[in-house]
Amino acid sequence: MVEETDKIKEHIESERERLSDNLDEIEYRFKDATDLKAQFERNTGWILGAAVAGGFLLSVALGRSSRLASNDFEREEATPGHSRFVSPHLNRLSDTVDNIVAGLVGVFSDKLQSFVADAVPGFREQYDTMNTKGSAPGDVTRSSFGR
């Protein structure tokens, strides 16, 4: 009887340890999956690409509605008594989205430049030389590409 009780206690203890290990594993996976910084580090290209694509689509959608609203806004100026708040708010939102997209493009450009510099020997020196000559990164009009 004592042996059977000991076996049951050992079984309960081993199950408790196994459950504890499983719980620790679940906790680790949850923290890893919800860690935005780690996700960004692992999937920088995908996240930036999705953000740029989403920003572009949002900009296109807001651009259309903004143009429509600006036409309505011009008509509303001719017709007194109508609200004039639609167009300025959409323009402000559109400017905000444009600034966010510009920031993301800047981050993506820096990451791309760093990636290429790590992959191609001598790239960083050439890139720095082009910058000191007065050619801003991304300035297509002063680029030496195709010369």
Protein backbone atom coordinates (compact mmCIF):
# COMPACT_ATOMS: atom_id res chain seq x y z
CA MET A 1 0.00 0.00 0.00
CA VAL A 2 2.85 2.37 0.89
CA GLU A 3 4.59 1.55 -2.39
CA GLU A 4 1.44 2.34 -4.35
CA THR A 5 1.08 5.67 -2.52
CA ASP A 6 4.72 6.51 -3.31
CA LYS A 7 4.15 5.68 -6.98
CA ILE A 8 1.11 7.94 -7.05
CA LYS A 9 3.08 10.75 -5.38
CA GLU A 10 5.96 10.30 -7.86
CA HIS A 11 3.50 10.31 -10.76
CA ILE A 12 1.83 13.48 -9.46
CA GLU A 13 5.21 15.15 -9.00
CA SER A 14 6.41 14.17 -12.48
CA GLU A 15 3.15 15.44 -14.00
CA ARG A 16 3.50 18.68 -12.05
CA GLU A 17 7.04 19.16 -13.38
CA ARG A 18 5.92 18.35 -16.92
CA LEU A 19 3.04 20.81 -16.67
CA SER A 20 5.36 23.43 -15.23
CA ASP A 21 7.76 22.94 -18.15
CA ASN A 22 4.87 23.18 -20.61
CA LEU A 23 3.62 26.34 -18.94
CA ASP A 24 7.12 27.86 -19.10
CA GLU A 25 7.32 26.98 -22.79
CA ILE A 26 3.93 28.56 -23.48
CA GLU A 27 4.93 31.68 -21.57
CA TYR A 28 8.20 31.92 -23.55
CA ARG A 29 6.43 31.47 -26.88
CA PHE A 30 3.77 34.03 -25.97
CA LYS A 31 6.37 36.61 -24.93
CA ASP A 32 8.38 35.90 -28.06
CA ALA A 33 5.33 36.22 -30.31
CA THR A 34 4.19 39.49 -28.72
CA ASP A 35 7.62 41.13 -28.54
CA LEU A 36 7.28 43.80 -31.24
CA LYS A 37 10.95 44.72 -31.21
CA ALA A 38 12.01 41.11 -31.79
CA GLN A 39 9.37 40.71 -34.51
CA PHE A 40 10.65 43.87 -36.22
CA GLU A 41 14.26 42.66 -36.01
CA ARG A 42 13.35 39.28 -37.53
CA ASN A 43 10.96 40.59 -40.19
CA THR A 44 12.14 44.12 -40.94
CA GLY A 45 11.69 43.85 -44.69
CA TRP A 46 8.24 42.37 -44.50
CA ILE A 47 7.02 44.85 -41.91
CA LEU A 48 8.40 47.87 -43.75
CA GLY A 49 7.07 46.57 -47.06
CA ALA A 50 3.63 46.03 -45.58
CA ALA A 51 3.70 49.47 -43.97
CA VAL A 52 4.71 51.16 -47.22
CA ALA A 53 2.09 49.24 -49.18
CA GLY A 54 -0.57 50.02 -46.58
CA GLY A 55 0.47 53.67 -46.51
CA PHE A 56 0.36 53.82 -50.29
CA LEU A 57 -3.12 52.28 -50.41
CA LEU A 58 -4.32 54.58 -47.64
CA SER A 59 -2.78 57.58 -49.40
CA VAL A 60 -4.49 56.63 -52.65
CA ALA A 61 -7.80 56.18 -50.87
CA LEU A 62 -7.44 59.45 -48.95
CA GLY A 63 -6.14 61.22 -52.03
CA ARG A 64 -9.31 60.36 -53.93
CA SER A 65 -11.61 61.32 -51.09
CA SER A 66 -9.49 64.42 -50.45
CA ARG A 67 -9.85 65.50 -54.09
CA LEU A 68 -13.56 64.85 -53.93
CA ALA A 69 -13.78 66.72 -50.65
CA SER A 70 -11.81 69.66 -52.05
CA ASN A 71 -14.28 69.89 -54.94
CA ASP A 72 -17.11 69.79 -52.41
CA PHE A 73 -15.22 72.34 -50.32
CA GLU A 74 -15.03 74.74 -53.27
CA ARG A 75 -18.75 74.28 -53.89
CA GLU A 76 -19.45 74.78 -50.17
CA GLU A 77 -17.60 78.10 -50.20
CA ALA A 78 -20.03 79.30 -52.83
CA THR A 79 -22.96 78.01 -50.76
CA PRO A 80 -23.06 79.67 -47.33
CA GLY A 81 -24.29 77.76 -44.31
CA HIS A 82 -22.47 74.45 -44.98
CA SER A 83 -19.74 72.98 -42.78
CA ARG A 84 -16.17 73.55 -44.01
CA PHE A 85 -14.40 71.03 -41.74
CA VAL A 86 -14.25 68.03 -44.06
CA SER A 87 -11.39 69.04 -46.37
CA PRO A 88 -8.91 70.41 -43.79
CA HIS A 89 -9.25 67.28 -41.63
CA LEU A 90 -8.68 64.93 -44.55
CA ASN A 91 -5.71 67.02 -45.65
CA ARG A 92 -4.22 66.86 -42.17
CA LEU A 93 -4.72 63.07 -42.04
CA SER A 94 -3.21 62.74 -45.50
CA ASP A 95 -0.19 64.82 -44.44
CA THR A 96 0.24 62.62 -41.36
CA VAL A 97 0.13 59.44 -43.46
CA ASP A 98 2.61 60.98 -45.93
CA ASN A 99 4.98 61.79 -43.05
CA ILE A 100 4.68 58.26 -41.65
CA VAL A 101 5.39 56.75 -45.08
CA ALA A 102 8.36 59.10 -45.53
CA GLY A 103 9.71 58.00 -42.14
CA LEU A 104 9.28 54.33 -42.99
CA VAL A 105 10.97 54.84 -46.36
CA GLY A 106 13.85 56.53 -44.53
CA VAL A 107 14.21 53.60 -42.12
CA PHE A 108 13.97 51.13 -45.00
CA SER A 109 16.61 53.10 -46.95
CA ASP A 110 18.97 53.03 -43.99
CA LYS A 111 18.44 49.30 -43.47
CA LEU A 112 18.94 48.64 -47.20
CA GLN A 113 22.10 50.74 -47.30
CA SER A 114 23.46 48.94 -44.26
CA PHE A 115 22.55 45.52 -45.73
CA VAL A 116 24.25 46.28 -49.05
CA ALA A 117 27.28 47.74 -47.25
CA ASP A 118 27.64 44.51 -45.27
CA ALA A 119 27.25 42.37 -48.41
CA VAL A 120 29.37 44.34 -50.91
CA PRO A 121 32.98 45.20 -50.04
CA GLY A 122 33.81 48.85 -50.71
CA PHE A 123 30.18 49.92 -51.03
CA ARG A 124 30.17 52.06 -47.88
CA GLU A 125 33.18 54.09 -49.05
CA GLN A 126 31.64 54.67 -52.49
CA TYR A 127 28.30 55.57 -50.91
CA ASP A 128 29.97 58.05 -48.55
CA THR A 129 31.93 59.54 -51.46
CA MET A 130 28.70 60.11 -53.38
CA ASN A 131 27.16 61.78 -50.33
CA THR A 132 30.09 64.15 -49.84
CA LYS A 133 29.92 65.20 -53.51
CA GLY A 134 26.53 66.72 -52.73
CA SER A 135 24.31 63.93 -53.95
CA ALA A 136 21.66 63.29 -51.34
CA PRO A 137 20.62 59.66 -50.83
CA GLY A 138 17.70 58.93 -53.11
CA ASP A 139 18.22 62.10 -55.19
CA VAL A 140 17.75 60.61 -58.64
CA THR A 141 18.48 63.85 -60.48
CA ARG A 142 22.11 63.93 -59.28
CA SER A 143 22.73 60.20 -59.31
CA SER A 144 25.68 58.80 -61.27
CA PHE A 145 23.59 55.77 -62.23
CA GLY A 146 23.91 55.08 -65.96
CA ARG A 147 26.74 57.62 -66.53
